[in-house]
PDB file of N, CA and C in Angstrom:
ATOM      1  N   MET A   1       0.867  -1.058   0.003  1.00  0.00           N
ATOM      2  CA  MET A   1      -0.067   0.146  -0.213  1.00  0.00           C
ATOM      3  C   MET A   1       1.044   1.463  -0.053  1.00  0.00           C
ATOM      4  N   SER A   2       0.548   2.165  -0.764  1.00  0.00           N
ATOM      5  CA  SER A   2       1.562   3.701  -0.904  1.00  0.00           C
ATOM      6  C   SER A   2       0.403   4.750  -0.316  1.00  0.00           C
ATOM      7  N   THR A   3       1.391   5.765   0.068  1.00  0.00           N
ATOM      8  CA  THR A   3       1.004   6.819   1.060  1.00  0.00           C
ATOM      9  C   THR A   3       0.556   7.656  -0.093  1.00  0.00           C
ATOM     10  N   ASN A   4      -0.264   8.689   0.305  1.00  0.00           N
ATOM     11  CA  ASN A   4      -0.609   9.536  -0.389  1.00  0.00           C
ATOM     12  C   ASN A   4       0.413  10.450  -1.418  1.00  0.00           C
ATOM     13  N   GLY A   5       1.348  10.622  -0.894  1.00  0.00           N
ATOM     14  CA  GLY A   5       2.416  11.416  -1.212  1.00  0.00           C
ATOM     15  C   GLY A   5       3.203  10.691  -2.529  1.00  0.00           C
ATOM     16  N   GLU A   6       3.192   9.233  -2.589  1.00  0.00           N
ATOM     17  CA  GLU A   6       3.906   8.498  -3.635  1.00  0.00           C
ATOM     18  C   GLU A   6       2.773   8.191  -4.473  1.00  0.00           C
ATOM     19  N   ASN A   7       1.588   8.452  -4.168  1.00  0.00           N
ATOM     20  CA  ASN A   7       0.612   8.246  -5.479  1.00  0.00           C
ATOM     21  C   ASN A   7       0.699   9.757  -6.233  1.00  0.00           C
ATOM     22  N   MET A   8       0.791  10.927  -5.300  1.00  0.00           N
ATOM     23  CA  MET A   8       1.051  12.032  -6.265  1.00  0.00           C
ATOM     24  C   MET A   8       2.269  12.064  -7.219  1.00  0.00           C
ATOM     25  N   GLU A   9       3.551  11.557  -6.445  1.00  0.00           N
ATOM     26  CA  GLU A   9       4.637  11.495  -7.390  1.00  0.00           C
ATOM     27  C   GLU A   9       4.372  10.488  -8.475  1.00  0.00           C
ATOM     28  N   GLU A  10       3.737   9.589  -8.532  1.00  0.00           N
ATOM     29  CA  GLU A  10       3.346   8.772  -9.642  1.00  0.00           C
ATOM     30  C   GLU A  10       2.667   9.236 -10.752  1.00  0.00           C
ATOM     31  N   GLY A  11       1.720  10.105 -10.186  1.00  0.00           N
ATOM     32  CA  GLY A  11       0.947  10.884 -11.167  1.00  0.00           C
ATOM     33  C   GLY A  11       1.457  11.936 -11.683  1.00  0.00           C
ATOM     34  N   ASN A  12       2.405  12.726 -11.084  1.00  0.00           N
ATOM     35  CA  ASN A  12       3.296  13.451 -11.805  1.00  0.00           C
ATOM     36  C   ASN A  12       4.151  13.377 -12.707  1.00  0.00           C
ATOM     37  N   ALA A  13       4.982  11.909 -12.393  1.00  0.00           N
ATOM     38  CA  ALA A  13       5.750  11.248 -13.433  1.00  0.00           C
ATOM     39  C   ALA A  13       5.139  10.820 -14.577  1.00  0.00           C
ATOM     40  N   LEU A  14       3.590  10.691 -14.568  1.00  0.00           N
ATOM     41  CA  LEU A  14       3.063  10.673 -16.107  1.00  0.00           C
ATOM     42  C   LEU A  14       2.565  11.678 -16.682  1.00  0.00           C
ATOM     43  N   ASN A  15       3.031  12.763 -16.094  1.00  0.00           N
ATOM     44  CA  ASN A  15       2.509  14.237 -16.729  1.00  0.00           C
ATOM     45  C   ASN A  15       3.716  14.681 -17.043  1.00  0.00           C
ATOM     46  N   VAL A  16       4.996  14.350 -16.537  1.00  0.00           N
ATOM     47  CA  VAL A  16       6.068  14.748 -17.216  1.00  0.00           C
ATOM     48  C   VAL A  16       6.730  13.787 -18.299  1.00  0.00           C
ATOM     49  N   GLY A  17       6.949  14.543 -19.508  1.00  0.00           N
ATOM     50  CA  GLY A  17       7.569  13.820 -20.709  1.00  0.00           C
ATOM     51  C   GLY A  17       9.094  14.326 -21.032  1.00  0.00           C
ATOM     52  N   LYS A  18       9.929  13.489 -21.948  1.00  0.00           N
ATOM     53  CA  LYS A  18      11.137  13.851 -22.314  1.00  0.00           C
ATOM     54  C   LYS A  18      10.939  13.865 -23.653  1.00  0.00           C
ATOM     55  N   LEU A  19      11.337  14.873 -24.219  1.00  0.00           N
ATOM     56  CA  LEU A  19      10.966  14.617 -25.835  1.00  0.00           C
ATOM     57  C   LEU A  19      12.554  15.190 -26.313  1.00  0.00           C
ATOM     58  N   CYS A  20      12.677  15.040 -27.503  1.00  0.00           N
ATOM     59  CA  CYS A  20      13.944  15.367 -28.297  1.00  0.00           C
ATOM     60  C   CYS A  20      13.619  15.837 -29.572  1.00  0.00           C
ATOM     61  N   ILE A  21      14.616  17.009 -30.134  1.00  0.00           N
ATOM     62  CA  ILE A  21      14.707  17.079 -31.663  1.00  0.00           C
ATOM     63  C   ILE A  21      15.965  16.608 -31.911  1.00  0.00           C
ATOM     64  N   PRO A  22      16.196  15.558 -32.429  1.00  0.00           N
ATOM     65  CA  PRO A  22      17.538  14.953 -33.020  1.00  0.00           C
ATOM     66  C   PRO A  22      18.354  15.897 -33.665  1.00  0.00           C
ATOM     67  N   ARG A  23      17.841  16.759 -34.457  1.00  0.00           N
ATOM     68  CA  ARG A  23      18.685  17.471 -35.366  1.00  0.00           C
ATOM     69  C   ARG A  23      18.197  18.937 -35.586  1.00  0.00           C
ATOM     70  N   ILE A  24      19.029  19.818 -35.408  1.00  0.00           N
ATOM     71  CA  ILE A  24      18.523  21.265 -35.553  1.00  0.00           C
ATOM     72  C   ILE A  24      19.685  21.997 -35.749  1.00  0.00           C
ATOM     73  N   GLU A  25      19.708  23.046 -36.578  1.00  0.00           N
ATOM     74  CA  GLU A  25      20.964  23.667 -37.211  1.00  0.00           C
ATOM     75  C   GLU A  25      21.363  24.651 -35.651  1.00  0.00           C
ATOM     76  N   ASN A  26      22.745  24.765 -35.718  1.00  0.00           N
ATOM     77  CA  ASN A  26      23.439  25.500 -34.794  1.00  0.00           C
ATOM     78  C   ASN A  26      23.162  27.100 -34.581  1.00  0.00           C
ATOM     79  N   THR A  27      22.462  27.512 -35.840  1.00  0.00           N
ATOM     80  CA  THR A  27      22.234  29.012 -35.977  1.00  0.00           C
ATOM     81  C   THR A  27      20.705  29.442 -34.978  1.00  0.00           C
ATOM     82  N   ILE A  28      19.895  28.289 -35.022  1.00  0.00           N
ATOM     83  CA  ILE A  28      18.866  28.417 -34.268  1.00  0.00           C
ATOM     84  C   ILE A  28      18.788  28.550 -32.671  1.00  0.00           C
ATOM     85  N   GLN A  29      18.468  29.937 -32.270  1.00  0.00           N
ATOM     86  CA  GLN A  29      18.434  30.205 -30.956  1.00  0.00           C
ATOM     87  C   GLN A  29      17.401  29.351 -29.931  1.00  0.00           C
ATOM     88  N   LYS A  30      18.155  28.984 -29.020  1.00  0.00           N
ATOM     89  CA  LYS A  30      17.256  28.553 -27.758  1.00  0.00           C
ATOM     90  C   LYS A  30      16.021  28.988 -27.659  1.00  0.00           C
ATOM     91  N   GLU A  31      15.957  30.541 -27.281  1.00  0.00           N
ATOM     92  CA  GLU A  31      14.734  31.499 -27.186  1.00  0.00           C
ATOM     93  C   GLU A  31      13.702  31.114 -28.250  1.00  0.00           C
ATOM     94  N   PHE A  32      14.162  31.033 -29.545  1.00  0.00           N
ATOM     95  CA  PHE A  32      13.392  30.747 -30.695  1.00  0.00           C
ATOM     96  C   PHE A  32      12.359  29.602 -30.606  1.00  0.00           C
ATOM     97  N   ILE A  33      13.311  28.512 -30.108  1.00  0.00           N
ATOM     98  CA  ILE A  33      12.648  27.035 -30.119  1.00  0.00           C
ATOM     99  C   ILE A  33      11.910  27.340 -28.820  1.00  0.00           C
ATOM    100  N   PHE A  34      12.259  27.679 -27.849  1.00  0.00           N
ATOM    101  CA  PHE A  34      11.406  28.023 -26.783  1.00  0.00           C
ATOM    102  C   PHE A  34       9.867  28.110 -27.022  1.00  0.00           C
ATOM    103  N   LYS A  35       9.778  29.684 -27.716  1.00  0.00           N
ATOM    104  CA  LYS A  35       8.767  30.416 -27.955  1.00  0.00           C
ATOM    105  C   LYS A  35       7.834  29.700 -29.134  1.00  0.00           C
ATOM    106  N   LYS A  36       8.576  28.637 -29.980  1.00  0.00           N
ATOM    107  CA  LYS A  36       7.644  28.022 -31.262  1.00  0.00           C
ATOM    108  C   LYS A  36       7.138  26.709 -30.061  1.00  0.00           C
ATOM    109  N   LEU A  37       7.708  25.911 -29.125  1.00  0.00           N
ATOM    110  CA  LEU A  37       7.398  24.864 -28.731  1.00  0.00           C
ATOM    111  C   LEU A  37       6.207  25.550 -27.485  1.00  0.00           C
ATOM    112  N   CYS A  38       6.038  26.758 -26.748  1.00  0.00           N
ATOM    113  CA  CYS A  38       5.055  27.133 -26.277  1.00  0.00           C
ATOM    114  C   CYS A  38       3.767  27.341 -26.691  1.00  0.00           C
ATOM    115  N   ALA A  39       3.948  28.040 -28.030  1.00  0.00           N
ATOM    116  CA  ALA A  39       3.058  28.401 -28.912  1.00  0.00           C
ATOM    117  C   ALA A  39       2.214  27.032 -29.302  1.00  0.00           C
ATOM    118  N   LEU A  40       2.757  26.081 -29.076  1.00  0.00           N
ATOM    119  CA  LEU A  40       1.786  24.548 -29.123  1.00  0.00           C
ATOM    120  C   LEU A  40       0.887  24.531 -28.398  1.00  0.00           C
ATOM    121  N   ASN A  41       0.876  25.138 -27.131  1.00  0.00           N
ATOM    122  CA  ASN A  41       0.311  25.054 -25.963  1.00  0.00           C
ATOM    123  C   ASN A  41      -0.238  23.387 -25.672  1.00  0.00           C
ATOM    124  N   ILE A  42       0.846  22.851 -25.321  1.00  0.00           N
ATOM    125  CA  ILE A  42       0.834  21.363 -25.040  1.00  0.00           C
ATOM    126  C   ILE A  42       1.311  20.930 -23.648  1.00  0.00           C
ATOM    127  N   GLY A  43       1.814  22.051 -22.672  1.00  0.00           N
ATOM    128  CA  GLY A  43       2.281  21.998 -21.860  1.00  0.00           C
ATOM    129  C   GLY A  43       3.210  23.116 -21.385  1.00  0.00           C
ATOM    130  N   TYR A  44       3.827  22.957 -19.888  1.00  0.00           N
ATOM    131  CA  TYR A  44       4.755  23.631 -19.463  1.00  0.00           C
ATOM    132  C   TYR A  44       6.285  23.380 -19.799  1.00  0.00           C
ATOM    133  N   ILE A  45       6.952  23.927 -20.668  1.00  0.00           N
ATOM    134  CA  ILE A  45       8.395  23.612 -20.943  1.00  0.00           C
ATOM    135  C   ILE A  45       9.195  24.003 -19.693  1.00  0.00           C
ATOM    136  N   GLN A  46       9.742  23.090 -18.894  1.00  0.00           N
ATOM    137  CA  GLN A  46      10.608  22.831 -17.657  1.00  0.00           C
ATOM    138  C   GLN A  46      11.796  23.166 -17.953  1.00  0.00           C
ATOM    139  N   LYS A  47      12.492  22.677 -18.945  1.00  0.00           N
ATOM    140  CA  LYS A  47      13.897  22.739 -19.589  1.00  0.00           C
ATOM    141  C   LYS A  47      14.168  22.168 -21.167  1.00  0.00           C
ATOM    142  N   LEU A  48      15.128  23.442 -21.493  1.00  0.00           N
ATOM    143  CA  LEU A  48      15.758  22.426 -22.723  1.00  0.00           C
ATOM    144  C   LEU A  48      16.922  22.669 -23.106  1.00  0.00           C
ATOM    145  N   THR A  49      17.419  21.781 -23.241  1.00  0.00           N
ATOM    146  CA  THR A  49      18.922  21.413 -23.204  1.00  0.00           C
ATOM    147  C   THR A  49      19.660  21.012 -24.690  1.00  0.00           C
ATOM    148  N   GLU A  50      20.722  21.878 -24.786  1.00  0.00           N
ATOM    149  CA  GLU A  50      21.194  21.938 -26.069  1.00  0.00           C
ATOM    150  C   GLU A  50      22.637  20.885 -26.037  1.00  0.00           C
ATOM    151  N   ILE A  51      22.533  19.897 -27.233  1.00  0.00           N
ATOM    152  CA  ILE A  51      23.915  19.107 -27.084  1.00  0.00           C
ATOM    153  C   ILE A  51      24.520  19.084 -28.371  1.00  0.00           C
ATOM    154  N   PRO A  52      25.662  19.653 -28.666  1.00  0.00           N
ATOM    155  CA  PRO A  52      26.222  19.390 -29.897  1.00  0.00           C
ATOM    156  C   PRO A  52      26.546  18.193 -30.441  1.00  0.00           C
ATOM    157  N   LEU A  53      26.336  18.253 -31.732  1.00  0.00           N
ATOM    158  CA  LEU A  53      26.298  16.921 -32.408  1.00  0.00           C
ATOM    159  C   LEU A  53      27.764  16.594 -32.616  1.00  0.00           C
ATOM    160  N   LYS A  54      28.285  15.397 -32.287  1.00  0.00           N
ATOM    161  CA  LYS A  54      29.990  15.188 -32.592  1.00  0.00           C
ATOM    162  C   LYS A  54      29.958  15.237 -33.981  1.00  0.00           C
ATOM    163  N   SER A  55      29.502  14.601 -34.838  1.00  0.00           N
ATOM    164  CA  SER A  55      29.459  13.714 -36.352  1.00  0.00           C
ATOM    165  C   SER A  55      29.353  15.171 -37.072  1.00  0.00           C
ATOM    166  N   ASN A  56      28.648  16.282 -36.518  1.00  0.00           N
ATOM    167  CA  ASN A  56      28.416  17.441 -37.559  1.00  0.00           C
ATOM    168  C   ASN A  56      28.485  18.581 -36.841  1.00  0.00           C
ATOM    169  N   PRO A  57      29.531  19.729 -36.443  1.00  0.00           N
ATOM    170  CA  PRO A  57      29.667  20.704 -35.765  1.00  0.00           C
ATOM    171  C   PRO A  57      28.498  22.001 -36.317  1.00  0.00           C
ATOM    172  N   ASN A  58      27.769  21.673 -37.206  1.00  0.00           N
ATOM    173  CA  ASN A  58      26.835  22.842 -37.846  1.00  0.00           C
ATOM    174  C   ASN A  58      25.603  22.537 -37.073  1.00  0.00           C
ATOM    175  N   PHE A  59      25.365  21.229 -36.218  1.00  0.00           N
ATOM    176  CA  PHE A  59      24.127  21.038 -35.906  1.00  0.00           C
ATOM    177  C   PHE A  59      24.091  20.641 -34.361  1.00  0.00           C
ATOM    178  N   LYS A  60      22.746  20.622 -33.945  1.00  0.00           N
ATOM    179  CA  LYS A  60      22.755  20.169 -32.455  1.00  0.00           C
ATOM    180  C   LYS A  60      21.478  19.444 -32.179  1.00  0.00           C
ATOM    181  N   ARG A  61      21.356  19.048 -31.055  1.00  0.00           N
ATOM    182  CA  ARG A  61      20.372  18.393 -30.531  1.00  0.00           C
ATOM    183  C   ARG A  61      19.556  18.799 -29.092  1.00  0.00           C
ATOM    184  N   ILE A  62      18.252  19.006 -29.281  1.00  0.00           N
ATOM    185  CA  ILE A  62      17.802  19.266 -28.159  1.00  0.00           C
ATOM    186  C   ILE A  62      16.861  18.442 -27.324  1.00  0.00           C
ATOM    187  N   LEU A  63      17.095  18.489 -26.250  1.00  0.00           N
ATOM    188  CA  LEU A  63      16.104  17.633 -25.235  1.00  0.00           C
ATOM    189  C   LEU A  63      15.105  18.692 -24.438  1.00  0.00           C
ATOM    190  N   ILE A  64      14.059  18.393 -24.633  1.00  0.00           N
ATOM    191  CA  ILE A  64      12.790  19.015 -23.689  1.00  0.00           C
ATOM    192  C   ILE A  64      12.259  18.249 -22.591  1.00  0.00           C
ATOM    193  N   LYS A  65      12.195  18.783 -21.517  1.00  0.00           N
ATOM    194  CA  LYS A  65      11.378  18.581 -20.340  1.00  0.00           C
ATOM    195  C   LYS A  65      10.181  19.271 -20.252  1.00  0.00           C
ATOM    196  N   ILE A  66       8.878  18.373 -20.328  1.00  0.00           N
ATOM    197  CA  ILE A  66       7.714  19.416 -20.338  1.00  0.00           C
ATOM    198  C   ILE A  66       6.956  18.510 -19.465  1.00  0.00           C
ATOM    199  N   LYS A  67       6.000  19.477 -19.023  1.00  0.00           N
ATOM    200  CA  LYS A  67       4.839  19.061 -17.911  1.00  0.00           C
ATOM    201  C   LYS A  67       3.498  18.958 -18.698  1.00  0.00           C
ATOM    202  N   TRP A  68       2.912  18.035 -19.256  1.00  0.00           N
ATOM    203  CA  TRP A  68       1.917  17.976 -20.061  1.00  0.00           C
ATOM    204  C   TRP A  68       0.477  18.635 -19.687  1.00  0.00           C
ATOM    205  N   ASN A  69      -0.249  19.443 -20.378  1.00  0.00           N
ATOM    206  CA  ASN A  69      -1.315  20.018 -19.898  1.00  0.00           C
ATOM    207  C   ASN A  69      -2.320  18.736 -19.963  1.00  0.00           C
ATOM    208  N   THR A  70      -3.625  19.014 -19.945  1.00  0.00           N
ATOM    209  CA  THR A  70      -4.571  17.736 -20.130  1.00  0.00           C
ATOM    210  C   THR A  70      -5.691  17.985 -21.083  1.00  0.00           C
ATOM    211  N   SER A  71      -5.341  18.600 -22.283  1.00  0.00           N
ATOM    212  CA  SER A  71      -6.079  18.920 -23.264  1.00  0.00           C
ATOM    213  C   SER A  71      -6.255  17.751 -24.164  1.00  0.00           C
ATOM    214  N   GLN A  72      -7.439  17.396 -24.568  1.00  0.00           N
ATOM    215  CA  GLN A  72      -7.462  16.642 -25.932  1.00  0.00           C
ATOM    216  C   GLN A  72      -6.465  16.592 -27.028  1.00  0.00           C
ATOM    217  N   LYS A  73      -5.989  17.777 -27.430  1.00  0.00           N
ATOM    218  CA  LYS A  73      -4.733  17.616 -28.413  1.00  0.00           C
ATOM    219  C   LYS A  73      -3.453  17.057 -27.785  1.00  0.00           C
ATOM    220  N   THR A  74      -2.904  17.512 -26.731  1.00  0.00           N
ATOM    221  CA  THR A  74      -1.847  16.994 -25.706  1.00  0.00           C
ATOM    222  C   THR A  74      -2.215  15.587 -25.834  1.00  0.00           C
ATOM    223  N   LEU A  75      -3.251  15.099 -25.399  1.00  0.00           N
ATOM    224  CA  LEU A  75      -3.418  13.523 -25.014  1.00  0.00           C
ATOM    225  C   LEU A  75      -3.310  12.804 -26.586  1.00  0.00           C
ATOM    226  N   ASP A  76      -3.763  13.328 -27.580  1.00  0.00           N
ATOM    227  CA  ASP A  76      -3.500  12.671 -28.708  1.00  0.00           C
ATOM    228  C   ASP A  76      -2.045  12.898 -29.212  1.00  0.00           C
ATOM    229  N   LEU A  77      -1.492  13.880 -28.748  1.00  0.00           N
ATOM    230  CA  LEU A  77      -0.024  14.308 -29.300  1.00  0.00           C
ATOM    231  C   LEU A  77       0.734  13.145 -28.540  1.00  0.00           C
ATOM    232  N   LYS A  78       0.554  13.019 -27.264  1.00  0.00           N
ATOM    233  CA  LYS A  78       1.271  12.368 -26.239  1.00  0.00           C
ATOM    234  C   LYS A  78       0.994  10.791 -26.730  1.00  0.00           C
ATOM    235  N   ASN A  79      -0.211  10.171 -27.027  1.00  0.00           N
ATOM    236  CA  ASN A  79      -0.331   9.049 -27.253  1.00  0.00           C
ATOM    237  C   ASN A  79       0.335   8.474 -28.640  1.00  0.00           C
ATOM    238  N   LYS A  80       0.578   9.403 -29.284  1.00  0.00           N
ATOM    239  CA  LYS A  80       1.196   9.070 -30.691  1.00  0.00           C
ATOM    240  C   LYS A  80       2.591   9.169 -30.514  1.00  0.00           C
ATOM    241  N   LEU A  81       3.275   9.919 -29.628  1.00  0.00           N
ATOM    242  CA  LEU A  81       4.791   9.990 -29.177  1.00  0.00           C
ATOM    243  C   LEU A  81       4.817   8.673 -28.206  1.00  0.00           C
ATOM    244  N   MET A  82       4.191   8.430 -27.678  1.00  0.00           N
ATOM    245  CA  MET A  82       4.465   7.045 -26.468  1.00  0.00           C
ATOM    246  C   MET A  82       4.454   5.694 -27.616  1.00  0.00           C
ATOM    247  N   SER A  83       3.631   5.873 -28.570  1.00  0.00           N
ATOM    248  CA  SER A  83       3.674   4.690 -29.388  1.00  0.00           C
ATOM    249  C   SER A  83       4.665   4.551 -30.371  1.00  0.00           C
ATOM    250  N   GLY A  84       5.719   5.553 -30.065  1.00  0.00           N
ATOM    251  CA  GLY A  84       7.153   5.165 -30.953  1.00  0.00           C
ATOM    252  C   GLY A  84       7.084   5.980 -32.104  1.00  0.00           C
ATOM    253  N   GLN A  85       6.026   7.050 -32.657  1.00  0.00           N
ATOM    254  CA  GLN A  85       6.019   7.599 -33.424  1.00  0.00           C
ATOM    255  C   GLN A  85       6.681   8.972 -33.374  1.00  0.00           C
ATOM    256  N   THR A  86       7.248   9.462 -34.509  1.00  0.00           N
ATOM    257  CA  THR A  86       7.798  10.943 -34.473  1.00  0.00           C
ATOM    258  C   THR A  86       6.560  11.774 -34.944  1.00  0.00           C
ATOM    259  N   ILE A  87       6.816  12.993 -34.961  1.00  0.00           N
ATOM    260  CA  ILE A  87       5.917  14.146 -35.065  1.00  0.00           C
ATOM    261  C   ILE A  87       6.851  15.381 -36.236  1.00  0.00           C
ATOM    262  N   LYS A  88       6.169  15.922 -36.864  1.00  0.00           N
ATOM    263  CA  LYS A  88       6.885  17.018 -37.328  1.00  0.00           C
ATOM    264  C   LYS A  88       6.295  18.141 -37.102  1.00  0.00           C
ATOM    265  N   PHE A  89       6.897  19.051 -36.826  1.00  0.00           N
ATOM    266  CA  PHE A  89       6.427  20.250 -36.213  1.00  0.00           C
ATOM    267  C   PHE A  89       7.003  21.339 -37.156  1.00  0.00           C
ATOM    268  N   VAL A  90       6.110  21.806 -37.843  1.00  0.00           N
ATOM    269  CA  VAL A  90       5.884  22.968 -38.542  1.00  0.00           C
ATOM    270  C   VAL A  90       6.413  24.355 -37.806  1.00  0.00           C
ATOM    271  N   TYR A  91       7.430  24.631 -37.995  1.00  0.00           N
ATOM    272  CA  TYR A  91       7.686  25.858 -36.970  1.00  0.00           C
ATOM    273  C   TYR A  91       7.996  27.314 -38.132  1.00  0.00           C
ATOM    274  N   GLN A  92       8.138  26.857 -39.097  1.00  0.00           N
ATOM    275  CA  GLN A  92       7.960  28.043 -40.067  1.00  0.00           C
ATOM    276  C   GLN A  92       8.211  27.576 -41.562  1.00  0.00           C
ATOM    277  N   MET A  93       6.861  27.796 -41.894  1.00  0.00           N
ATOM    278  CA  MET A  93       6.525  27.020 -43.283  1.00  0.00           C
ATOM    279  C   MET A  93       7.871  27.357 -44.456  1.00  0.00           C
ATOM    280  N   PRO A  94       8.278  26.702 -45.280  1.00  0.00           N
ATOM    281  CA  PRO A  94       8.255  24.838 -45.054  1.00  0.00           C
ATOM    282  C   PRO A  94       9.233  24.128 -43.919  1.00  0.00           C
ATOM    283  N   TRP A  95       9.707  24.913 -43.161  1.00  0.00           N
ATOM    284  CA  TRP A  95      10.735  24.132 -42.493  1.00  0.00           C
ATOM    285  C   TRP A  95       9.775  23.500 -41.293  1.00  0.00           C
ATOM    286  N   PHE A  96      10.535  22.442 -40.817  1.00  0.00           N
ATOM    287  CA  PHE A  96       9.914  21.628 -39.892  1.00  0.00           C
ATOM    288  C   PHE A  96      11.179  21.033 -39.017  1.00  0.00           C
ATOM    289  N   TRP A  97      10.639  20.463 -37.713  1.00  0.00           N
ATOM    290  CA  TRP A  97      11.738  19.603 -36.603  1.00  0.00           C
ATOM    291  C   TRP A  97      11.009  18.425 -36.607  1.00  0.00           C
ATOM    292  N   LYS A  98      11.376  17.495 -36.698  1.00  0.00           N
ATOM    293  CA  LYS A  98      11.122  16.197 -35.893  1.00  0.00           C
ATOM    294  C   LYS A  98      10.980  15.887 -34.554  1.00  0.00           C
ATOM    295  N   ILE A  99      10.114  15.643 -33.925  1.00  0.00           N
ATOM    296  CA  ILE A  99       9.939  15.568 -32.613  1.00  0.00           C
ATOM    297  C   ILE A  99       9.963  14.146 -32.165  1.00  0.00           C
ATOM    298  N   CYS A 100      10.663  13.343 -30.874  1.00  0.00           N
ATOM    299  CA  CYS A 100      10.162  12.225 -30.694  1.00  0.00           C
ATOM    300  C   CYS A 100      10.539  11.985 -29.082  1.00  0.00           C
ATOM    301  N   VAL A 101      10.117  11.250 -28.557  1.00  0.00           N
ATOM    302  CA  VAL A 101      10.081  10.936 -27.052  1.00  0.00           C
ATOM    303  C   VAL A 101      11.355  10.241 -26.558  1.00  0.00           C
ATOM    304  N   VAL A 102      11.778  10.584 -25.487  1.00  0.00           N
ATOM    305  CA  VAL A 102      13.032  10.133 -25.210  1.00  0.00           C
ATOM    306  C   VAL A 102      12.721   9.129 -24.070  1.00  0.00           C
ATOM    307  N   SER A 103      13.191   7.744 -24.175  1.00  0.00           N
ATOM    308  CA  SER A 103      12.757   6.595 -23.115  1.00  0.00           C
ATOM    309  C   SER A 103      13.759   6.551 -21.989  1.00  0.00           C
TER     310      SER A 103
END
């Protein structure tokens, strides 16, 4: 039997996701990425981490920690990601980022 605090932690863990944009140009600023992701309105972006790609110094990887909201759009998106699919997020027509879940 678990305590109330443990149940709340388990619930919070289900509402926090870790996402990845595997490849993005170095010229794109972290603030720009943050604003575009916030515009999706799928939750609270807790942290963005930039990781340079060793194989190509012109690109980086972005790790995203997000606290999901409970809208139907968010649930649909989350289910798609959790099933192993990637999404294409058009941030500026015709440019897009592929977003996947980090397991």
